Amino acid sequence: MEVKESSTVTVNIEVDTICENYTCTNQSKARLRTIVTFFICNKSLINQFIRVNQHFASNVVLRNLIVKIPQILAFDTKRLIWRLDLKRRQAKYKENGVDIRVNR
């Protein structure tokens, strides 16, 4: 029981720290607290899910969450997401190609 209480206090402090940065209505704050609490309590599960299902990493909502609340994902998972994003952007430029004319 004691371990559970101390971990709950730690999670609440972390959630409070994250939620302080946002100004919104009370209803929105309650939703934000719920989402952040869920992500913090299930960090390792979410990180593993993203590593296994890499197509999920291309989700725009997930990328926005990472930018706004970087504490929810591990460094390796963030690196995976950004590398996939870079590959996607590079592939976009390779498809179109670039024509360059040089006079010598």
PDB file of N, CA and C in Angstrom:
ATOM      1  N   MET A   1       0.811  -1.199   0.000  1.00  0.00           N
ATOM      2  CA  MET A   1       0.000   0.000   0.000  1.00  0.00           C
ATOM      3  C   MET A   1       0.857   1.267   0.000  1.00  0.00           C
ATOM      4  N   GLU A   2       1.917   1.278   0.769  1.00  0.00           N
ATOM      5  CA  GLU A   2       2.746   2.476   0.859  1.00  0.00           C
ATOM      6  C   GLU A   2       3.396   2.801  -0.482  1.00  0.00           C
ATOM      7  N   VAL A   3       3.835   1.758  -1.167  1.00  0.00           N
ATOM      8  CA  VAL A   3       4.465   1.973  -2.461  1.00  0.00           C
ATOM      9  C   VAL A   3       3.458   2.568  -3.435  1.00  0.00           C
ATOM     10  N   LYS A   4       2.239   2.067  -3.399  1.00  0.00           N
ATOM     11  CA  LYS A   4       1.202   2.567  -4.283  1.00  0.00           C
ATOM     12  C   LYS A   4       0.909   4.037  -4.017  1.00  0.00           C
ATOM     13  N   GLU A   5       0.850   4.410  -2.766  1.00  0.00           N
ATOM     14  CA  GLU A   5       0.560   5.799  -2.410  1.00  0.00           C
ATOM     15  C   GLU A   5       1.685   6.723  -2.869  1.00  0.00           C
ATOM     16  N   SER A   6       2.928   6.316  -2.682  1.00  0.00           N
ATOM     17  CA  SER A   6       4.036   7.177  -3.095  1.00  0.00           C
ATOM     18  C   SER A   6       4.098   7.309  -4.609  1.00  0.00           C
ATOM     19  N   SER A   7       3.791   6.216  -5.343  1.00  0.00           N
ATOM     20  CA  SER A   7       3.792   6.312  -6.802  1.00  0.00           C
ATOM     21  C   SER A   7       2.631   7.179  -7.283  1.00  0.00           C
ATOM     22  N   THR A   8       1.502   7.130  -6.594  1.00  0.00           N
ATOM     23  CA  THR A   8       0.364   7.980  -6.943  1.00  0.00           C
ATOM     24  C   THR A   8       0.704   9.443  -6.722  1.00  0.00           C
ATOM     25  N   VAL A   9       1.383   9.728  -5.632  1.00  0.00           N
ATOM     26  CA  VAL A   9       1.789  11.105  -5.346  1.00  0.00           C
ATOM     27  C   VAL A   9       2.760  11.594  -6.412  1.00  0.00           C
ATOM     28  N   THR A  10       3.700  10.738  -6.805  1.00  0.00           N
ATOM     29  CA  THR A  10       4.660  11.097  -7.844  1.00  0.00           C
ATOM     30  C   THR A  10       3.953  11.389  -9.157  1.00  0.00           C
ATOM     31  N   VAL A  11       2.997  10.548  -9.531  1.00  0.00           N
ATOM     32  CA  VAL A  11       2.237  10.748 -10.769  1.00  0.00           C
ATOM     33  C   VAL A  11       1.446  12.043 -10.689  1.00  0.00           C
ATOM     34  N   ASN A  12       0.808  12.307  -9.549  1.00  0.00           N
ATOM     35  CA  ASN A  12       0.028  13.532  -9.404  1.00  0.00           C
ATOM     36  C   ASN A  12       0.908  14.776  -9.524  1.00  0.00           C
ATOM     37  N   ILE A  13       2.103  14.723  -8.956  1.00  0.00           N
ATOM     38  CA  ILE A  13       3.024  15.861  -9.053  1.00  0.00           C
ATOM     39  C   ILE A  13       3.432  16.069 -10.509  1.00  0.00           C
ATOM     40  N   GLU A  14       3.732  14.978 -11.208  1.00  0.00           N
ATOM     41  CA  GLU A  14       4.130  15.076 -12.606  1.00  0.00           C
ATOM     42  C   GLU A  14       2.979  15.605 -13.470  1.00  0.00           C
ATOM     43  N   VAL A  15       1.774  15.129 -13.213  1.00  0.00           N
ATOM     44  CA  VAL A  15       0.597  15.600 -13.952  1.00  0.00           C
ATOM     45  C   VAL A  15       0.364  17.082 -13.682  1.00  0.00           C
ATOM     46  N   ASP A  16       0.474  17.488 -12.417  1.00  0.00           N
ATOM     47  CA  ASP A  16       0.289  18.903 -12.073  1.00  0.00           C
ATOM     48  C   ASP A  16       1.321  19.776 -12.779  1.00  0.00           C
ATOM     49  N   THR A  17       2.557  19.306 -12.822  1.00  0.00           N
ATOM     50  CA  THR A  17       3.621  20.064 -13.481  1.00  0.00           C
ATOM     51  C   THR A  17       3.328  20.247 -14.966  1.00  0.00           C
ATOM     52  N   ILE A  18       2.856  19.206 -15.612  1.00  0.00           N
ATOM     53  CA  ILE A  18       2.547  19.277 -17.041  1.00  0.00           C
ATOM     54  C   ILE A  18       1.334  20.165 -17.285  1.00  0.00           C
ATOM     55  N   CYS A  19       0.297  20.001 -16.474  1.00  0.00           N
ATOM     56  CA  CYS A  19      -0.954  20.733 -16.692  1.00  0.00           C
ATOM     57  C   CYS A  19      -0.844  22.221 -16.359  1.00  0.00           C
ATOM     58  N   GLU A  20       0.123  22.613 -15.564  1.00  0.00           N
ATOM     59  CA  GLU A  20       0.303  24.032 -15.232  1.00  0.00           C
ATOM     60  C   GLU A  20       0.620  24.867 -16.463  1.00  0.00           C
ATOM     61  N   ASN A  21       1.226  24.251 -17.469  1.00  0.00           N
ATOM     62  CA  ASN A  21       1.662  24.980 -18.656  1.00  0.00           C
ATOM     63  C   ASN A  21       0.521  25.344 -19.598  1.00  0.00           C
ATOM     64  N   TYR A  22      -0.682  24.861 -19.342  1.00  0.00           N
ATOM     65  CA  TYR A  22      -1.794  25.071 -20.258  1.00  0.00           C
ATOM     66  C   TYR A  22      -2.896  25.877 -19.594  1.00  0.00           C
ATOM     67  N   THR A  23      -3.412  26.834 -20.337  1.00  0.00           N
ATOM     68  CA  THR A  23      -4.549  27.604 -19.854  1.00  0.00           C
ATOM     69  C   THR A  23      -5.774  27.158 -20.640  1.00  0.00           C
ATOM     70  N   CYS A  24      -6.760  26.671 -19.931  1.00  0.00           N
ATOM     71  CA  CYS A  24      -7.991  26.220 -20.576  1.00  0.00           C
ATOM     72  C   CYS A  24      -9.111  26.200 -19.544  1.00  0.00           C
ATOM     73  N   THR A  25     -10.306  25.864 -19.999  1.00  0.00           N
ATOM     74  CA  THR A  25     -11.460  25.834 -19.097  1.00  0.00           C
ATOM     75  C   THR A  25     -11.320  24.682 -18.113  1.00  0.00           C
ATOM     76  N   ASN A  26     -12.147  24.694 -17.083  1.00  0.00           N
ATOM     77  CA  ASN A  26     -12.077  23.635 -16.066  1.00  0.00           C
ATOM     78  C   ASN A  26     -12.396  22.263 -16.657  1.00  0.00           C
ATOM     79  N   GLN A  27     -13.363  22.232 -17.575  1.00  0.00           N
ATOM     80  CA  GLN A  27     -13.724  20.953 -18.190  1.00  0.00           C
ATOM     81  C   GLN A  27     -12.563  20.424 -19.040  1.00  0.00           C
ATOM     82  N   SER A  28     -11.933  21.310 -19.779  1.00  0.00           N
ATOM     83  CA  SER A  28     -10.787  20.906 -20.600  1.00  0.00           C
ATOM     84  C   SER A  28      -9.609  20.486 -19.721  1.00  0.00           C
ATOM     85  N   LYS A  29      -9.429  21.180 -18.603  1.00  0.00           N
ATOM     86  CA  LYS A  29      -8.347  20.804 -17.682  1.00  0.00           C
ATOM     87  C   LYS A  29      -8.571  19.414 -17.113  1.00  0.00           C
ATOM     88  N   ALA A  30      -9.830  19.090 -16.826  1.00  0.00           N
ATOM     89  CA  ALA A  30     -10.134  17.757 -16.305  1.00  0.00           C
ATOM     90  C   ALA A  30      -9.803  16.687 -17.349  1.00  0.00           C
ATOM     91  N   ARG A  31     -10.142  16.950 -18.606  1.00  0.00           N
ATOM     92  CA  ARG A  31      -9.815  16.006 -19.683  1.00  0.00           C
ATOM     93  C   ARG A  31      -8.305  15.882 -19.855  1.00  0.00           C
ATOM     94  N   LEU A  32      -7.629  17.016 -19.828  1.00  0.00           N
ATOM     95  CA  LEU A  32      -6.173  17.017 -19.969  1.00  0.00           C
ATOM     96  C   LEU A  32      -5.522  16.211 -18.850  1.00  0.00           C
ATOM     97  N   ARG A  33      -5.974  16.420 -17.622  1.00  0.00           N
ATOM     98  CA  ARG A  33      -5.436  15.666 -16.483  1.00  0.00           C
ATOM     99  C   ARG A  33      -5.663  14.170 -16.670  1.00  0.00           C
ATOM    100  N   THR A  34      -6.837  13.795 -17.165  1.00  0.00           N
ATOM    101  CA  THR A  34      -7.147  12.382 -17.381  1.00  0.00           C
ATOM    102  C   THR A  34      -6.225  11.779 -18.431  1.00  0.00           C
ATOM    103  N   ILE A  35      -6.048  12.481 -19.544  1.00  0.00           N
ATOM    104  CA  ILE A  35      -5.195  11.981 -20.627  1.00  0.00           C
ATOM    105  C   ILE A  35      -3.742  11.875 -20.172  1.00  0.00           C
ATOM    106  N   VAL A  36      -3.245  12.921 -19.535  1.00  0.00           N
ATOM    107  CA  VAL A  36      -1.849  12.926 -19.090  1.00  0.00           C
ATOM    108  C   VAL A  36      -1.624  11.838 -18.041  1.00  0.00           C
ATOM    109  N   THR A  37      -2.558  11.683 -17.120  1.00  0.00           N
ATOM    110  CA  THR A  37      -2.442  10.629 -16.105  1.00  0.00           C
ATOM    111  C   THR A  37      -2.389   9.258 -16.752  1.00  0.00           C
ATOM    112  N   PHE A  38      -3.257   9.034 -17.743  1.00  0.00           N
ATOM    113  CA  PHE A  38      -3.265   7.751 -18.454  1.00  0.00           C
ATOM    114  C   PHE A  38      -1.915   7.502 -19.125  1.00  0.00           C
ATOM    115  N   PHE A  39      -1.392   8.512 -19.837  1.00  0.00           N
ATOM    116  CA  PHE A  39      -0.124   8.349 -20.526  1.00  0.00           C
ATOM    117  C   PHE A  39       1.021   8.097 -19.554  1.00  0.00           C
ATOM    118  N   ILE A  40       1.046   8.810 -18.452  1.00  0.00           N
ATOM    119  CA  ILE A  40       2.143   8.641 -17.494  1.00  0.00           C
ATOM    120  C   ILE A  40       2.071   7.272 -16.822  1.00  0.00           C
ATOM    121  N   CYS A  41       0.885   6.829 -16.476  1.00  0.00           N
ATOM    122  CA  CYS A  41       0.740   5.524 -15.809  1.00  0.00           C
ATOM    123  C   CYS A  41       1.046   4.361 -16.754  1.00  0.00           C
ATOM    124  N   ASN A  42       0.871   4.562 -18.056  1.00  0.00           N
ATOM    125  CA  ASN A  42       1.059   3.484 -19.027  1.00  0.00           C
ATOM    126  C   ASN A  42       2.197   3.775 -20.003  1.00  0.00           C
ATOM    127  N   LYS A  43       3.204   4.501 -19.546  1.00  0.00           N
ATOM    128  CA  LYS A  43       4.319   4.908 -20.403  1.00  0.00           C
ATOM    129  C   LYS A  43       4.979   3.739 -21.118  1.00  0.00           C
ATOM    130  N   SER A  44       5.377   2.731 -20.379  1.00  0.00           N
ATOM    131  CA  SER A  44       6.126   1.626 -20.985  1.00  0.00           C
ATOM    132  C   SER A  44       5.263   0.860 -21.985  1.00  0.00           C
ATOM    133  N   LEU A  45       3.996   0.675 -21.672  1.00  0.00           N
ATOM    134  CA  LEU A  45       3.086  -0.025 -22.575  1.00  0.00           C
ATOM    135  C   LEU A  45       2.908   0.756 -23.881  1.00  0.00           C
ATOM    136  N   ILE A  46       2.730   2.049 -23.782  1.00  0.00           N
ATOM    137  CA  ILE A  46       2.550   2.895 -24.963  1.00  0.00           C
ATOM    138  C   ILE A  46       3.816   2.909 -25.810  1.00  0.00           C
ATOM    139  N   ASN A  47       4.979   3.006 -25.157  1.00  0.00           N
ATOM    140  CA  ASN A  47       6.248   2.989 -25.894  1.00  0.00           C
ATOM    141  C   ASN A  47       6.432   1.677 -26.653  1.00  0.00           C
ATOM    142  N   GLN A  48       6.138   0.560 -26.021  1.00  0.00           N
ATOM    143  CA  GLN A  48       6.265  -0.732 -26.689  1.00  0.00           C
ATOM    144  C   GLN A  48       5.270  -0.863 -27.831  1.00  0.00           C
ATOM    145  N   PHE A  49       4.060  -0.386 -27.635  1.00  0.00           N
ATOM    146  CA  PHE A  49       3.041  -0.447 -28.685  1.00  0.00           C
ATOM    147  C   PHE A  49       3.491   0.320 -29.923  1.00  0.00           C
ATOM    148  N   ILE A  50       4.076   1.483 -29.728  1.00  0.00           N
ATOM    149  CA  ILE A  50       4.525   2.302 -30.857  1.00  0.00           C
ATOM    150  C   ILE A  50       5.716   1.647 -31.550  1.00  0.00           C
ATOM    151  N   ARG A  51       6.621   1.045 -30.784  1.00  0.00           N
ATOM    152  CA  ARG A  51       7.772   0.368 -31.396  1.00  0.00           C
ATOM    153  C   ARG A  51       7.327  -0.822 -32.249  1.00  0.00           C
ATOM    154  N   VAL A  52       6.326  -1.559 -31.767  1.00  0.00           N
ATOM    155  CA  VAL A  52       5.851  -2.734 -32.501  1.00  0.00           C
ATOM    156  C   VAL A  52       5.018  -2.321 -33.718  1.00  0.00           C
ATOM    157  N   ASN A  53       4.116  -1.366 -33.551  1.00  0.00           N
ATOM    158  CA  ASN A  53       3.252  -0.891 -34.626  1.00  0.00           C
ATOM    159  C   ASN A  53       3.781   0.439 -35.154  1.00  0.00           C
ATOM    160  N   GLN A  54       4.777   0.359 -36.009  1.00  0.00           N
ATOM    161  CA  GLN A  54       5.431   1.581 -36.465  1.00  0.00           C
ATOM    162  C   GLN A  54       4.527   2.442 -37.341  1.00  0.00           C
ATOM    163  N   HIS A  55       3.538   1.845 -37.993  1.00  0.00           N
ATOM    164  CA  HIS A  55       2.630   2.660 -38.800  1.00  0.00           C
ATOM    165  C   HIS A  55       1.797   3.592 -37.910  1.00  0.00           C
ATOM    166  N   PHE A  56       1.622   3.220 -36.656  1.00  0.00           N
ATOM    167  CA  PHE A  56       0.907   4.074 -35.705  1.00  0.00           C
ATOM    168  C   PHE A  56       1.714   5.334 -35.394  1.00  0.00           C
ATOM    169  N   ALA A  57       3.029   5.240 -35.538  1.00  0.00           N
ATOM    170  CA  ALA A  57       3.916   6.372 -35.231  1.00  0.00           C
ATOM    171  C   ALA A  57       3.741   7.522 -36.218  1.00  0.00           C
ATOM    172  N   SER A  58       3.155   7.256 -37.373  1.00  0.00           N
ATOM    173  CA  SER A  58       2.962   8.326 -38.352  1.00  0.00           C
ATOM    174  C   SER A  58       1.690   9.131 -38.084  1.00  0.00           C
ATOM    175  N   ASN A  59       1.000   8.818 -37.019  1.00  0.00           N
ATOM    176  CA  ASN A  59      -0.231   9.507 -36.652  1.00  0.00           C
ATOM    177  C   ASN A  59       0.062  10.966 -36.283  1.00  0.00           C
ATOM    178  N   VAL A  60      -0.665  11.881 -36.877  1.00  0.00           N
ATOM    179  CA  VAL A  60      -0.443  13.317 -36.644  1.00  0.00           C
ATOM    180  C   VAL A  60      -0.769  13.692 -35.202  1.00  0.00           C
ATOM    181  N   VAL A  61      -1.815  13.126 -34.654  1.00  0.00           N
ATOM    182  CA  VAL A  61      -2.211  13.438 -33.272  1.00  0.00           C
ATOM    183  C   VAL A  61      -1.106  13.027 -32.310  1.00  0.00           C
ATOM    184  N   LEU A  62      -0.507  11.878 -32.552  1.00  0.00           N
ATOM    185  CA  LEU A  62       0.578  11.408 -31.693  1.00  0.00           C
ATOM    186  C   LEU A  62       1.772  12.351 -31.760  1.00  0.00           C
ATOM    187  N   ARG A  63       2.118  12.796 -32.965  1.00  0.00           N
ATOM    188  CA  ARG A  63       3.236  13.728 -33.103  1.00  0.00           C
ATOM    189  C   ARG A  63       2.954  15.035 -32.388  1.00  0.00           C
ATOM    190  N   ASN A  64       1.724  15.520 -32.459  1.00  0.00           N
ATOM    191  CA  ASN A  64       1.372  16.756 -31.753  1.00  0.00           C
ATOM    192  C   ASN A  64       1.469  16.571 -30.249  1.00  0.00           C
ATOM    193  N   LEU A  65       1.054  15.410 -29.759  1.00  0.00           N
ATOM    194  CA  LEU A  65       1.162  15.126 -28.326  1.00  0.00           C
ATOM    195  C   LEU A  65       2.623  15.104 -27.883  1.00  0.00           C
ATOM    196  N   ILE A  66       3.482  14.542 -28.711  1.00  0.00           N
ATOM    197  CA  ILE A  66       4.904  14.471 -28.360  1.00  0.00           C
ATOM    198  C   ILE A  66       5.493  15.867 -28.255  1.00  0.00           C
ATOM    199  N   VAL A  67       5.102  16.733 -29.170  1.00  0.00           N
ATOM    200  CA  VAL A  67       5.625  18.097 -29.147  1.00  0.00           C
ATOM    201  C   VAL A  67       5.130  18.839 -27.909  1.00  0.00           C
ATOM    202  N   LYS A  68       3.873  18.651 -27.562  1.00  0.00           N
ATOM    203  CA  LYS A  68       3.298  19.386 -26.433  1.00  0.00           C
ATOM    204  C   LYS A  68       3.667  18.782 -25.081  1.00  0.00           C
ATOM    205  N   ILE A  69       3.739  17.452 -25.013  1.00  0.00           N
ATOM    206  CA  ILE A  69       4.040  16.761 -23.748  1.00  0.00           C
ATOM    207  C   ILE A  69       5.136  15.724 -24.004  1.00  0.00           C
ATOM    208  N   PRO A  70       6.390  16.156 -24.077  1.00  0.00           N
ATOM    209  CA  PRO A  70       7.469  15.224 -24.433  1.00  0.00           C
ATOM    210  C   PRO A  70       7.756  14.160 -23.370  1.00  0.00           C
ATOM    211  N   GLN A  71       7.264  14.326 -22.160  1.00  0.00           N
ATOM    212  CA  GLN A  71       7.549  13.363 -21.086  1.00  0.00           C
ATOM    213  C   GLN A  71       6.835  12.028 -21.283  1.00  0.00           C
ATOM    214  N   ILE A  72       5.855  11.963 -22.178  1.00  0.00           N
ATOM    215  CA  ILE A  72       5.059  10.738 -22.274  1.00  0.00           C
ATOM    216  C   ILE A  72       5.747   9.610 -23.020  1.00  0.00           C
ATOM    217  N   LEU A  73       6.785   9.923 -23.812  1.00  0.00           N
ATOM    218  CA  LEU A  73       7.459   8.875 -24.565  1.00  0.00           C
ATOM    219  C   LEU A  73       8.945   8.817 -24.228  1.00  0.00           C
ATOM    220  N   ALA A  74       9.499   7.629 -24.376  1.00  0.00           N
ATOM    221  CA  ALA A  74      10.930   7.427 -24.156  1.00  0.00           C
ATOM    222  C   ALA A  74      11.705   7.991 -25.346  1.00  0.00           C
ATOM    223  N   PHE A  75      12.981   8.245 -25.125  1.00  0.00           N
ATOM    224  CA  PHE A  75      13.824   8.837 -26.163  1.00  0.00           C
ATOM    225  C   PHE A  75      13.865   7.967 -27.416  1.00  0.00           C
ATOM    226  N   ASP A  76      14.021   6.651 -27.243  1.00  0.00           N
ATOM    227  CA  ASP A  76      14.106   5.749 -28.393  1.00  0.00           C
ATOM    228  C   ASP A  76      12.838   5.793 -29.235  1.00  0.00           C
ATOM    229  N   THR A  77      11.707   5.889 -28.586  1.00  0.00           N
ATOM    230  CA  THR A  77      10.436   5.951 -29.313  1.00  0.00           C
ATOM    231  C   THR A  77      10.307   7.268 -30.069  1.00  0.00           C
ATOM    232  N   LYS A  78      10.714   8.360 -29.432  1.00  0.00           N
ATOM    233  CA  LYS A  78      10.681   9.660 -30.125  1.00  0.00           C
ATOM    234  C   LYS A  78      11.602   9.644 -31.329  1.00  0.00           C
ATOM    235  N   ARG A  79      12.799   9.064 -31.154  1.00  0.00           N
ATOM    236  CA  ARG A  79      13.756   8.982 -32.260  1.00  0.00           C
ATOM    237  C   ARG A  79      13.174   8.161 -33.407  1.00  0.00           C
ATOM    238  N   LEU A  80      12.513   7.053 -33.100  1.00  0.00           N
ATOM    239  CA  LEU A  80      11.871   6.233 -34.128  1.00  0.00           C
ATOM    240  C   LEU A  80      10.826   7.045 -34.897  1.00  0.00           C
ATOM    241  N   ILE A  81      10.020   7.784 -34.188  1.00  0.00           N
ATOM    242  CA  ILE A  81       8.967   8.576 -34.826  1.00  0.00           C
ATOM    243  C   ILE A  81       9.569   9.638 -35.739  1.00  0.00           C
ATOM    244  N   TRP A  82      10.588  10.347 -35.273  1.00  0.00           N
ATOM    245  CA  TRP A  82      11.190  11.400 -36.095  1.00  0.00           C
ATOM    246  C   TRP A  82      11.915  10.814 -37.305  1.00  0.00           C
ATOM    247  N   ARG A  83      12.552   9.656 -37.151  1.00  0.00           N
ATOM    248  CA  ARG A  83      13.217   9.024 -38.302  1.00  0.00           C
ATOM    249  C   ARG A  83      12.202   8.592 -39.348  1.00  0.00           C
ATOM    250  N   LEU A  84      11.087   8.029 -38.914  1.00  0.00           N
ATOM    251  CA  LEU A  84      10.041   7.647 -39.866  1.00  0.00           C
ATOM    252  C   LEU A  84       9.495   8.875 -40.586  1.00  0.00           C
ATOM    253  N   ASP A  85       9.371   9.971 -39.866  1.00  0.00           N
ATOM    254  CA  ASP A  85       8.893  11.215 -40.463  1.00  0.00           C
ATOM    255  C   ASP A  85       9.896  11.728 -41.499  1.00  0.00           C
ATOM    256  N   LEU A  86      11.185  11.673 -41.165  1.00  0.00           N
ATOM    257  CA  LEU A  86      12.209  12.102 -42.118  1.00  0.00           C
ATOM    258  C   LEU A  86      12.215  11.222 -43.372  1.00  0.00           C
ATOM    259  N   LYS A  87      12.085   9.913 -43.196  1.00  0.00           N
ATOM    260  CA  LYS A  87      12.031   9.007 -44.353  1.00  0.00           C
ATOM    261  C   LYS A  87      10.838   9.331 -45.241  1.00  0.00           C
ATOM    262  N   ARG A  88       9.705   9.611 -44.613  1.00  0.00           N
ATOM    263  CA  ARG A  88       8.501   9.954 -45.373  1.00  0.00           C
ATOM    264  C   ARG A  88       8.715  11.236 -46.170  1.00  0.00           C
ATOM    265  N   ARG A  89       9.344  12.215 -45.554  1.00  0.00           N
ATOM    266  CA  ARG A  89       9.591  13.485 -46.249  1.00  0.00           C
ATOM    267  C   ARG A  89      10.623  13.318 -47.358  1.00  0.00           C
ATOM    268  N   GLN A  90      11.663  12.519 -47.123  1.00  0.00           N
ATOM    269  CA  GLN A  90      12.662  12.294 -48.159  1.00  0.00           C
ATOM    270  C   GLN A  90      12.067  11.555 -49.354  1.00  0.00           C
ATOM    271  N   ALA A  91      11.205  10.591 -49.076  1.00  0.00           N
ATOM    272  CA  ALA A  91      10.555   9.846 -50.154  1.00  0.00           C
ATOM    273  C   ALA A  91       9.689  10.777 -51.002  1.00  0.00           C
ATOM    274  N   LYS A  92       9.078  11.739 -50.374  1.00  0.00           N
ATOM    275  CA  LYS A  92       8.233  12.704 -51.091  1.00  0.00           C
ATOM    276  C   LYS A  92       9.075  13.498 -52.095  1.00  0.00           C
ATOM    277  N   TYR A  93      10.275  13.906 -51.702  1.00  0.00           N
ATOM    278  CA  TYR A  93      11.131  14.666 -52.598  1.00  0.00           C
ATOM    279  C   TYR A  93      11.744  13.782 -53.682  1.00  0.00           C
ATOM    280  N   LYS A  94      12.016  12.524 -53.374  1.00  0.00           N
ATOM    281  CA  LYS A  94      12.586  11.620 -54.377  1.00  0.00           C
ATOM    282  C   LYS A  94      11.591  11.333 -55.488  1.00  0.00           C
ATOM    283  N   GLU A  95      10.297  11.274 -55.159  1.00  0.00           N
ATOM    284  CA  GLU A  95       9.271  11.010 -56.163  1.00  0.00           C
ATOM    285  C   GLU A  95       9.224  12.119 -57.197  1.00  0.00           C
ATOM    286  N   ASN A  96       9.235  13.359 -56.729  1.00  0.00           N
ATOM    287  CA  ASN A  96       9.119  14.490 -57.631  1.00  0.00           C
ATOM    288  C   ASN A  96      10.413  14.735 -58.398  1.00  0.00           C
ATOM    289  N   GLY A  97      11.528  14.541 -57.785  1.00  0.00           N
ATOM    290  CA  GLY A  97      12.807  14.805 -58.411  1.00  0.00           C
ATOM    291  C   GLY A  97      13.050  16.300 -58.552  1.00  0.00           C
ATOM    292  N   VAL A  98      14.283  16.649 -58.752  1.00  0.00           N
ATOM    293  CA  VAL A  98      14.650  18.048 -58.907  1.00  0.00           C
ATOM    294  C   VAL A  98      15.462  18.178 -60.189  1.00  0.00           C
ATOM    295  N   ASP A  99      15.002  19.013 -61.094  1.00  0.00           N
ATOM    296  CA  ASP A  99      15.726  19.260 -62.331  1.00  0.00           C
ATOM    297  C   ASP A  99      16.643  20.462 -62.158  1.00  0.00           C
ATOM    298  N   ILE A 100      17.919  20.248 -62.389  1.00  0.00           N
ATOM    299  CA  ILE A 100      18.883  21.327 -62.287  1.00  0.00           C
ATOM    300  C   ILE A 100      19.636  21.420 -63.604  1.00  0.00           C
ATOM    301  N   ARG A 101      19.667  22.598 -64.193  1.00  0.00           N
ATOM    302  CA  ARG A 101      20.406  22.796 -65.445  1.00  0.00           C
ATOM    303  C   ARG A 101      21.645  23.636 -65.133  1.00  0.00           C
ATOM    304  N   VAL A 102      22.752  23.140 -65.603  1.00  0.00           N
ATOM    305  CA  VAL A 102      24.015  23.818 -65.347  1.00  0.00           C
ATOM    306  C   VAL A 102      24.673  24.120 -66.681  1.00  0.00           C
ATOM    307  N   ASN A 103      25.031  25.380 -66.892  1.00  0.00           N
ATOM    308  CA  ASN A 103      25.765  25.788 -68.092  1.00  0.00           C
ATOM    309  C   ASN A 103      27.245  25.803 -67.768  1.00  0.00           C
ATOM    310  N   ARG A 104      28.019  25.139 -68.602  1.00  0.00           N
ATOM    311  CA  ARG A 104      29.465  25.098 -68.349  1.00  0.00           C
ATOM    312  C   ARG A 104      30.209  25.832 -69.435  1.00  0.00           C
TER     313      ARG A 104
END
